[in-house]
């Protein structure tokens, strides 16, 4: 794993790899699981790579890849459905660069990566288990897409680890989402230090420390509000309403009683 980049060649890919590709201006990265035979399973929002259901989609969608007017001969485009789709590697990358998400990194290297969504302290399961989860969820879905709590990176991390954040009132597994929240949070939490010091360097160092601490504590490998859940149990929980993930702005629906 490189300190600066996780860029890899296609020839080095193996089934079970968690891969991603940055989109325009590095606004976000799209994540998926490579399952072999030039195929990638990934999670989308109604056929779009990312979305919030708000006006922010104008920025996010414009940063995504433009859809070709010529249909891909190997991919089946799905407008509606449960969101988990299979694409060829070319369509997944959409002209972007291929990167591999890293697992079991040491804390120093994790914190050296200033932006989340590229690595984790968590340990990956065996490749066969990863591919099984991805293929199973391709058939049965991964719940409702939520850019902060249940996005493409959450999907890929779940496939790799089997770990699920059970309390969806908090952040999901996504390092990207934590970075977007952690930056402004660090600035807010470090603001009271202006009462103690006016040294701009000291304030900046404190903000960086708060940001790094928030990323470290929120990483899936460090959290205590996670549980190992099989793909079969996950889809059962989603189907019965025991586990719910809602799109932003949608009201919660009470889960049905269980016997």
C-alpha atoms as a PDB file:
ATOM      1  CA  UNK A   1       0.000   0.000   0.000  1.00  0.00           C
ATOM      2  CA  UNK A   2       1.351   3.409  -0.906  1.00  0.00           C
ATOM      3  CA  UNK A   3       1.315   6.347   1.444  1.00  0.00           C
ATOM      4  CA  UNK A   4       0.216   8.696  -1.320  1.00  0.00           C
ATOM      5  CA  UNK A   5      -1.920   6.474  -3.525  1.00  0.00           C
ATOM      6  CA  UNK A   6      -3.667   3.084  -3.580  1.00  0.00           C
ATOM      7  CA  UNK A   7      -3.586   2.985  -7.380  1.00  0.00           C
ATOM      8  CA  UNK A   8      -3.277  -0.510  -8.855  1.00  0.00           C
ATOM      9  CA  UNK A   9      -3.147  -2.190 -12.257  1.00  0.00           C
ATOM     10  CA  UNK A  10      -6.045  -4.271 -13.506  1.00  0.00           C
ATOM     11  CA  UNK A  11      -3.759  -7.279 -13.795  1.00  0.00           C
ATOM     12  CA  UNK A  12      -3.291  -7.313 -10.009  1.00  0.00           C
ATOM     13  CA  UNK A  13      -7.014  -7.596  -9.215  1.00  0.00           C
ATOM     14  CA  UNK A  14      -8.408 -10.749  -7.671  1.00  0.00           C
ATOM     15  CA  UNK A  15     -11.987 -11.716  -6.756  1.00  0.00           C
ATOM     16  CA  UNK A  16     -12.911 -10.217  -3.392  1.00  0.00           C
ATOM     17  CA  UNK A  17     -10.960  -6.988  -3.819  1.00  0.00           C
ATOM     18  CA  UNK A  18     -12.608  -3.773  -2.630  1.00  0.00           C
ATOM     19  CA  UNK A  19     -11.940  -1.242  -5.370  1.00  0.00           C
ATOM     20  CA  UNK A  20     -12.859   2.389  -5.937  1.00  0.00           C
ATOM     21  CA  UNK A  21     -12.406   5.224  -8.390  1.00  0.00           C
ATOM     22  CA  UNK A  22     -12.443   8.976  -7.746  1.00  0.00           C
ATOM     23  CA  UNK A  23     -14.888  11.068  -9.733  1.00  0.00           C
ATOM     24  CA  UNK A  24     -14.595  14.622 -11.085  1.00  0.00           C
ATOM     25  CA  UNK A  25     -12.403  16.919  -8.955  1.00  0.00           C
ATOM     26  CA  UNK A  26     -12.120  14.184  -6.302  1.00  0.00           C
ATOM     27  CA  UNK A  27     -15.496  15.191  -4.857  1.00  0.00           C
ATOM     28  CA  UNK A  28     -16.322  11.575  -4.078  1.00  0.00           C
ATOM     29  CA  UNK A  29     -15.181   8.038  -4.872  1.00  0.00           C
ATOM     30  CA  UNK A  30     -17.382   5.193  -6.046  1.00  0.00           C
ATOM     31  CA  UNK A  31     -16.740   1.826  -4.359  1.00  0.00           C
ATOM     32  CA  UNK A  32     -17.466  -1.771  -5.281  1.00  0.00           C
ATOM     33  CA  UNK A  33     -16.410  -5.397  -4.945  1.00  0.00           C
ATOM     34  CA  UNK A  34     -14.546  -7.076  -7.790  1.00  0.00           C
ATOM     35  CA  UNK A  35     -15.938 -10.614  -8.204  1.00  0.00           C
ATOM     36  CA  UNK A  36     -13.829 -11.780 -11.128  1.00  0.00           C
ATOM     37  CA  UNK A  37     -14.522 -12.161 -14.862  1.00  0.00           C
ATOM     38  CA  UNK A  38     -14.205  -8.375 -15.269  1.00  0.00           C
ATOM     39  CA  UNK A  39     -17.313  -7.828 -13.076  1.00  0.00           C
ATOM     40  CA  UNK A  40     -17.881  -5.421 -10.174  1.00  0.00           C
ATOM     41  CA  UNK A  41     -20.827  -5.488  -7.759  1.00  0.00           C
ATOM     42  CA  UNK A  42     -21.650  -2.066  -6.323  1.00  0.00           C
ATOM     43  CA  UNK A  43     -24.427  -0.172  -4.531  1.00  0.00           C
ATOM     44  CA  UNK A  44     -26.254   2.759  -6.141  1.00  0.00           C
ATOM     45  CA  UNK A  45     -29.186   5.066  -5.481  1.00  0.00           C
ATOM     46  CA  UNK A  46     -31.833   4.195  -8.075  1.00  0.00           C
ATOM     47  CA  UNK A  47     -29.253   3.700 -10.760  1.00  0.00           C
ATOM     48  CA  UNK A  48     -27.196   6.789  -9.799  1.00  0.00           C
ATOM     49  CA  UNK A  49     -23.833   6.333  -8.114  1.00  0.00           C
ATOM     50  CA  UNK A  50     -24.579   8.804  -5.323  1.00  0.00           C
ATOM     51  CA  UNK A  51     -27.410  10.980  -4.114  1.00  0.00           C
ATOM     52  CA  UNK A  52     -28.954  12.690  -1.104  1.00  0.00           C
ATOM     53  CA  UNK A  53     -32.467  13.406  -2.291  1.00  0.00           C
ATOM     54  CA  UNK A  54     -31.706  17.128  -1.853  1.00  0.00           C
ATOM     55  CA  UNK A  55     -30.419  20.019  -3.937  1.00  0.00           C
ATOM     56  CA  UNK A  56     -26.872  18.750  -3.269  1.00  0.00           C
ATOM     57  CA  UNK A  57     -27.531  16.128  -5.937  1.00  0.00           C
ATOM     58  CA  UNK A  58     -27.010  18.825  -8.568  1.00  0.00           C
ATOM     59  CA  UNK A  59     -23.350  18.955  -7.522  1.00  0.00           C
ATOM     60  CA  UNK A  60     -22.872  15.249  -6.882  1.00  0.00           C
ATOM     61  CA  UNK A  61     -24.548  14.004 -10.044  1.00  0.00           C
ATOM     62  CA  UNK A  62     -22.693  16.550 -12.175  1.00  0.00           C
ATOM     63  CA  UNK A  63     -19.448  15.184 -10.715  1.00  0.00           C
ATOM     64  CA  UNK A  64     -20.346  11.640 -11.709  1.00  0.00           C
ATOM     65  CA  UNK A  65     -19.526   9.994 -15.016  1.00  0.00           C
ATOM     66  CA  UNK A  66     -21.651  10.856 -18.021  1.00  0.00           C
ATOM     67  CA  UNK A  67     -23.673   7.931 -19.270  1.00  0.00           C
ATOM     68  CA  UNK A  68     -22.816   6.772 -22.760  1.00  0.00           C
ATOM     69  CA  UNK A  69     -25.556   6.799 -25.357  1.00  0.00           C
ATOM     70  CA  UNK A  70     -24.134   3.520 -26.668  1.00  0.00           C
ATOM     71  CA  UNK A  71     -25.290   0.611 -24.452  1.00  0.00           C
ATOM     72  CA  UNK A  72     -22.537  -1.540 -22.981  1.00  0.00           C
ATOM     73  CA  UNK A  73     -22.716  -5.001 -24.600  1.00  0.00           C
ATOM     74  CA  UNK A  74     -21.891  -6.761 -21.318  1.00  0.00           C
ATOM     75  CA  UNK A  75     -23.828  -4.693 -18.747  1.00  0.00           C
ATOM     76  CA  UNK A  76     -27.543  -4.524 -18.028  1.00  0.00           C
ATOM     77  CA  UNK A  77     -28.542  -0.982 -17.045  1.00  0.00           C
ATOM     78  CA  UNK A  78     -31.099  -0.889 -14.227  1.00  0.00           C
ATOM     79  CA  UNK A  79     -33.042   2.321 -13.557  1.00  0.00           C
ATOM     80  CA  UNK A  80     -35.051   1.005 -10.609  1.00  0.00           C
ATOM     81  CA  UNK A  81     -34.622  -1.837  -8.141  1.00  0.00           C
ATOM     82  CA  UNK A  82     -32.889  -2.400  -4.828  1.00  0.00           C
ATOM     83  CA  UNK A  83     -29.757  -0.540  -5.890  1.00  0.00           C
ATOM     84  CA  UNK A  84     -27.148  -3.316  -5.902  1.00  0.00           C
ATOM     85  CA  UNK A  85     -25.960  -3.776  -9.486  1.00  0.00           C
ATOM     86  CA  UNK A  86     -23.293  -5.616 -11.452  1.00  0.00           C
ATOM     87  CA  UNK A  87     -21.183  -3.789 -14.028  1.00  0.00           C
ATOM     88  CA  UNK A  88     -18.151  -4.551 -16.106  1.00  0.00           C
ATOM     89  CA  UNK A  89     -14.933  -3.003 -14.836  1.00  0.00           C
ATOM     90  CA  UNK A  90     -14.872  -0.430 -17.643  1.00  0.00           C
ATOM     91  CA  UNK A  91     -18.372   0.838 -16.819  1.00  0.00           C
ATOM     92  CA  UNK A  92     -17.579   0.927 -13.097  1.00  0.00           C
ATOM     93  CA  UNK A  93     -14.436   3.003 -13.634  1.00  0.00           C
ATOM     94  CA  UNK A  94     -16.166   5.225 -16.216  1.00  0.00           C
ATOM     95  CA  UNK A  95     -12.812   6.406 -17.493  1.00  0.00           C
ATOM     96  CA  UNK A  96     -11.395   6.929 -13.996  1.00  0.00           C
ATOM     97  CA  UNK A  97      -8.336   5.468 -12.312  1.00  0.00           C
ATOM     98  CA  UNK A  98      -8.485   2.140 -10.471  1.00  0.00           C
ATOM     99  CA  UNK A  99      -7.649   2.076  -6.753  1.00  0.00           C
ATOM    100  CA  UNK A 100      -7.744  -0.746  -4.187  1.00  0.00           C
ATOM    101  CA  UNK A 101      -9.099  -0.103  -0.686  1.00  0.00           C
ATOM    102  CA  UNK A 102      -6.719  -1.405   1.991  1.00  0.00           C
ATOM    103  CA  UNK A 103      -7.528  -3.358   5.160  1.00  0.00           C
ATOM    104  CA  UNK A 104      -5.603  -4.064   8.381  1.00  0.00           C
ATOM    105  CA  UNK A 105      -3.489  -0.926   8.026  1.00  0.00           C
ATOM    106  CA  UNK A 106      -1.533   0.263  11.047  1.00  0.00           C
ATOM    107  CA  UNK A 107      -2.816   3.325  12.935  1.00  0.00           C
ATOM    108  CA  UNK A 108       0.062   5.563  11.826  1.00  0.00           C
ATOM    109  CA  UNK A 109      -0.592   4.891   8.147  1.00  0.00           C
ATOM    110  CA  UNK A 110      -4.335   5.245   8.654  1.00  0.00           C
ATOM    111  CA  UNK A 111      -3.930   8.707  10.171  1.00  0.00           C
ATOM    112  CA  UNK A 112      -1.371   9.680   7.527  1.00  0.00           C
ATOM    113  CA  UNK A 113      -4.117   9.325   4.935  1.00  0.00           C
ATOM    114  CA  UNK A 114      -5.641  12.765   5.377  1.00  0.00           C
ATOM    115  CA  UNK A 115      -8.857  11.848   3.587  1.00  0.00           C
ATOM    116  CA  UNK A 116     -11.082   8.950   4.560  1.00  0.00           C
ATOM    117  CA  UNK A 117     -12.464   6.330   2.225  1.00  0.00           C
ATOM    118  CA  UNK A 118      -9.158   4.711   1.211  1.00  0.00           C
ATOM    119  CA  UNK A 119      -8.277   2.308   4.024  1.00  0.00           C
ATOM    120  CA  UNK A 120      -9.393   0.904   7.372  1.00  0.00           C
ATOM    121  CA  UNK A 121      -8.011  -0.663  10.523  1.00  0.00           C
ATOM    122  CA  UNK A 122     -10.538  -3.509  10.191  1.00  0.00           C
ATOM    123  CA  UNK A 123      -9.549  -7.004   9.108  1.00  0.00           C
ATOM    124  CA  UNK A 124     -10.952  -8.393   5.873  1.00  0.00           C
ATOM    125  CA  UNK A 125     -12.543 -11.836   5.677  1.00  0.00           C
ATOM    126  CA  UNK A 126     -11.475 -14.495   3.184  1.00  0.00           C
ATOM    127  CA  UNK A 127     -12.051 -13.648  -0.475  1.00  0.00           C
ATOM    128  CA  UNK A 128     -14.620 -16.441  -0.941  1.00  0.00           C
ATOM    129  CA  UNK A 129     -16.775 -15.015   1.866  1.00  0.00           C
ATOM    130  CA  UNK A 130     -16.492 -11.512   0.381  1.00  0.00           C
ATOM    131  CA  UNK A 131     -17.611 -12.661  -3.077  1.00  0.00           C
ATOM    132  CA  UNK A 132     -20.473 -14.665  -1.554  1.00  0.00           C
ATOM    133  CA  UNK A 133     -21.823 -11.608   0.278  1.00  0.00           C
ATOM    134  CA  UNK A 134     -21.551  -9.426  -2.835  1.00  0.00           C
ATOM    135  CA  UNK A 135     -23.355 -11.939  -5.043  1.00  0.00           C
ATOM    136  CA  UNK A 136     -26.032 -12.607  -2.425  1.00  0.00           C
ATOM    137  CA  UNK A 137     -26.767  -8.917  -1.981  1.00  0.00           C
ATOM    138  CA  UNK A 138     -26.833  -8.508  -5.762  1.00  0.00           C
ATOM    139  CA  UNK A 139     -29.918 -10.736  -5.667  1.00  0.00           C
ATOM    140  CA  UNK A 140     -31.546  -9.462  -2.459  1.00  0.00           C
ATOM    141  CA  UNK A 141     -30.375  -5.868  -1.961  1.00  0.00           C
ATOM    142  CA  UNK A 142     -28.630  -3.873   0.765  1.00  0.00           C
ATOM    143  CA  UNK A 143     -31.509  -1.769   2.033  1.00  0.00           C
ATOM    144  CA  UNK A 144     -32.234   1.862   1.220  1.00  0.00           C
ATOM    145  CA  UNK A 145     -29.401   4.066   0.009  1.00  0.00           C
ATOM    146  CA  UNK A 146     -28.348   6.859   2.375  1.00  0.00           C
ATOM    147  CA  UNK A 147     -25.311   8.942   1.480  1.00  0.00           C
ATOM    148  CA  UNK A 148     -24.191   9.291   5.120  1.00  0.00           C
ATOM    149  CA  UNK A 149     -25.289   5.955   6.611  1.00  0.00           C
ATOM    150  CA  UNK A 150     -25.626   3.350   3.854  1.00  0.00           C
ATOM    151  CA  UNK A 151     -23.671   4.159   0.713  1.00  0.00           C
ATOM    152  CA  UNK A 152     -21.446   2.344  -1.777  1.00  0.00           C
ATOM    153  CA  UNK A 153     -18.475   2.356   0.609  1.00  0.00           C
ATOM    154  CA  UNK A 154     -20.637   0.967   3.437  1.00  0.00           C
ATOM    155  CA  UNK A 155     -21.712  -1.818   1.075  1.00  0.00           C
ATOM    156  CA  UNK A 156     -18.156  -2.712   0.085  1.00  0.00           C
ATOM    157  CA  UNK A 157     -16.878  -2.617   3.684  1.00  0.00           C
ATOM    158  CA  UNK A 158     -19.743  -4.873   4.799  1.00  0.00           C
ATOM    159  CA  UNK A 159     -18.949  -7.353   2.020  1.00  0.00           C
ATOM    160  CA  UNK A 160     -15.289  -7.403   3.112  1.00  0.00           C
ATOM    161  CA  UNK A 161     -15.839  -7.675   6.859  1.00  0.00           C
ATOM    162  CA  UNK A 162     -19.415  -8.782   7.543  1.00  0.00           C
ATOM    163  CA  UNK A 163     -19.560  -5.984  10.131  1.00  0.00           C
ATOM    164  CA  UNK A 164     -22.692  -3.891  10.365  1.00  0.00           C
ATOM    165  CA  UNK A 165     -23.408  -0.736  12.370  1.00  0.00           C
ATOM    166  CA  UNK A 166     -26.646  -1.635  14.120  1.00  0.00           C
ATOM    167  CA  UNK A 167     -27.492   1.847  15.387  1.00  0.00           C
ATOM    168  CA  UNK A 168     -28.362   3.775  12.221  1.00  0.00           C
ATOM    169  CA  UNK A 169     -28.953   6.960  14.163  1.00  0.00           C
ATOM    170  CA  UNK A 170     -25.145   7.253  14.006  1.00  0.00           C
ATOM    171  CA  UNK A 171     -22.716   7.260  11.079  1.00  0.00           C
ATOM    172  CA  UNK A 172     -22.277   4.176   8.927  1.00  0.00           C
ATOM    173  CA  UNK A 173     -18.985   2.499   8.032  1.00  0.00           C
ATOM    174  CA  UNK A 174     -18.035   4.973   5.296  1.00  0.00           C
ATOM    175  CA  UNK A 175     -14.715   6.776   5.761  1.00  0.00           C
ATOM    176  CA  UNK A 176     -15.733   9.329   3.141  1.00  0.00           C
ATOM    177  CA  UNK A 177     -18.818  10.321   5.129  1.00  0.00           C
ATOM    178  CA  UNK A 178     -16.755  10.599   8.310  1.00  0.00           C
ATOM    179  CA  UNK A 179     -14.288  12.889   6.514  1.00  0.00           C
ATOM    180  CA  UNK A 180     -17.047  15.175   5.260  1.00  0.00           C
ATOM    181  CA  UNK A 181     -18.531  15.424   8.761  1.00  0.00           C
ATOM    182  CA  UNK A 182     -15.235  15.355  10.669  1.00  0.00           C
ATOM    183  CA  UNK A 183     -13.663  18.369   8.975  1.00  0.00           C
ATOM    184  CA  UNK A 184     -16.359  20.895   9.918  1.00  0.00           C
ATOM    185  CA  UNK A 185     -16.726  19.231  13.323  1.00  0.00           C
ATOM    186  CA  UNK A 186     -13.035  19.682  14.038  1.00  0.00           C
ATOM    187  CA  UNK A 187     -13.275  23.351  13.129  1.00  0.00           C
ATOM    188  CA  UNK A 188     -16.245  23.839  15.444  1.00  0.00           C
ATOM    189  CA  UNK A 189     -14.706  21.968  18.377  1.00  0.00           C
ATOM    190  CA  UNK A 190     -11.417  23.831  18.099  1.00  0.00           C
ATOM    191  CA  UNK A 191     -13.079  27.271  18.003  1.00  0.00           C
ATOM    192  CA  UNK A 192     -13.245  27.659  21.832  1.00  0.00           C
ATOM    193  CA  UNK A 193      -9.438  27.577  21.905  1.00  0.00           C
ATOM    194  CA  UNK A 194      -9.469  31.113  20.586  1.00  0.00           C
ATOM    195  CA  UNK A 195     -10.225  32.087  24.162  1.00  0.00           C
ATOM    196  CA  UNK A 196      -6.970  30.436  25.238  1.00  0.00           C
ATOM    197  CA  UNK A 197      -4.610  31.219  22.389  1.00  0.00           C
ATOM    198  CA  UNK A 198      -4.535  33.400  19.288  1.00  0.00           C
ATOM    199  CA  UNK A 199      -1.695  31.400  17.750  1.00  0.00           C
ATOM    200  CA  UNK A 200      -2.996  30.307  14.345  1.00  0.00           C
ATOM    201  CA  UNK A 201      -0.598  27.364  14.194  1.00  0.00           C
ATOM    202  CA  UNK A 202      -1.712  26.055  17.570  1.00  0.00           C
ATOM    203  CA  UNK A 203      -5.362  26.314  16.585  1.00  0.00           C
ATOM    204  CA  UNK A 204      -4.688  24.572  13.270  1.00  0.00           C
ATOM    205  CA  UNK A 205      -2.804  21.771  15.009  1.00  0.00           C
ATOM    206  CA  UNK A 206      -5.680  21.286  17.425  1.00  0.00           C
ATOM    207  CA  UNK A 207      -8.220  21.160  14.595  1.00  0.00           C
ATOM    208  CA  UNK A 208      -6.120  18.515  12.817  1.00  0.00           C
ATOM    209  CA  UNK A 209      -5.857  16.494  16.040  1.00  0.00           C
ATOM    210  CA  UNK A 210      -9.633  16.606  16.557  1.00  0.00           C
ATOM    211  CA  UNK A 211     -10.201  15.574  12.934  1.00  0.00           C
ATOM    212  CA  UNK A 212      -7.781  12.638  13.191  1.00  0.00           C
ATOM    213  CA  UNK A 213      -9.309  11.518  16.487  1.00  0.00           C
ATOM    214  CA  UNK A 214     -12.809  11.565  14.998  1.00  0.00           C
ATOM    215  CA  UNK A 215     -11.674   9.506  11.990  1.00  0.00           C
ATOM    216  CA  UNK A 216      -9.864   7.002  14.193  1.00  0.00           C
ATOM    217  CA  UNK A 217     -12.777   6.541  16.601  1.00  0.00           C
ATOM    218  CA  UNK A 218     -15.317   6.223  13.781  1.00  0.00           C
ATOM    219  CA  UNK A 219     -13.386   3.623  11.799  1.00  0.00           C
ATOM    220  CA  UNK A 220     -15.204   0.305  11.529  1.00  0.00           C
ATOM    221  CA  UNK A 221     -12.164  -1.468  12.982  1.00  0.00           C
ATOM    222  CA  UNK A 222     -12.382   0.559  16.220  1.00  0.00           C
ATOM    223  CA  UNK A 223     -16.120   0.868  16.793  1.00  0.00           C
ATOM    224  CA  UNK A 224     -17.993  -1.131  19.421  1.00  0.00           C
ATOM    225  CA  UNK A 225     -21.494  -0.614  18.007  1.00  0.00           C
ATOM    226  CA  UNK A 226     -20.966  -3.185  15.255  1.00  0.00           C
ATOM    227  CA  UNK A 227     -21.962  -6.819  14.918  1.00  0.00           C
ATOM    228  CA  UNK A 228     -20.903  -9.627  12.605  1.00  0.00           C
ATOM    229  CA  UNK A 229     -24.006 -10.359  10.519  1.00  0.00           C
ATOM    230  CA  UNK A 230     -24.345 -12.878   7.684  1.00  0.00           C
ATOM    231  CA  UNK A 231     -25.747 -11.662   4.376  1.00  0.00           C
ATOM    232  CA  UNK A 232     -28.713 -13.969   4.832  1.00  0.00           C
ATOM    233  CA  UNK A 233     -29.467 -12.571   8.287  1.00  0.00           C
ATOM    234  CA  UNK A 234     -28.998  -9.012   7.007  1.00  0.00           C
ATOM    235  CA  UNK A 235     -31.596  -9.392   4.261  1.00  0.00           C
ATOM    236  CA  UNK A 236     -33.981 -11.088   6.716  1.00  0.00           C
ATOM    237  CA  UNK A 237     -33.664  -8.145   9.113  1.00  0.00           C
ATOM    238  CA  UNK A 238     -34.289  -5.700   6.286  1.00  0.00           C
ATOM    239  CA  UNK A 239     -37.308  -7.638   5.006  1.00  0.00           C
ATOM    240  CA  UNK A 240     -38.950  -7.838   8.444  1.00  0.00           C
ATOM    241  CA  UNK A 241     -38.197  -4.241   9.409  1.00  0.00           C
ATOM    242  CA  UNK A 242     -35.915  -5.238  12.294  1.00  0.00           C
ATOM    243  CA  UNK A 243     -33.183  -3.188  10.596  1.00  0.00           C
ATOM    244  CA  UNK A 244     -34.140   0.003   8.784  1.00  0.00           C
ATOM    245  CA  UNK A 245     -32.148   2.492   6.748  1.00  0.00           C
ATOM    246  CA  UNK A 246     -34.111   5.461   5.412  1.00  0.00           C
ATOM    247  CA  UNK A 247     -33.359   7.989   2.732  1.00  0.00           C
ATOM    248  CA  UNK A 248     -32.893  11.531   4.061  1.00  0.00           C
ATOM    249  CA  UNK A 249     -36.242  13.195   4.615  1.00  0.00           C
ATOM    250  CA  UNK A 250     -38.309  10.020   4.783  1.00  0.00           C
ATOM    251  CA  UNK A 251     -40.242   9.285   8.012  1.00  0.00           C
ATOM    252  CA  UNK A 252     -39.451   6.205  10.025  1.00  0.00           C
ATOM    253  CA  UNK A 253     -41.881   3.309   9.756  1.00  0.00           C
ATOM    254  CA  UNK A 254     -42.383   1.238  12.921  1.00  0.00           C
ATOM    255  CA  UNK A 255     -41.109  -2.303  12.611  1.00  0.00           C
ATOM    256  CA  UNK A 256     -43.756  -5.046  12.644  1.00  0.00           C
ATOM    257  CA  UNK A 257     -44.124  -7.023  15.890  1.00  0.00           C
ATOM    258  CA  UNK A 258     -42.161 -10.228  16.153  1.00  0.00           C
ATOM    259  CA  UNK A 259     -43.387 -13.424  17.686  1.00  0.00           C
END
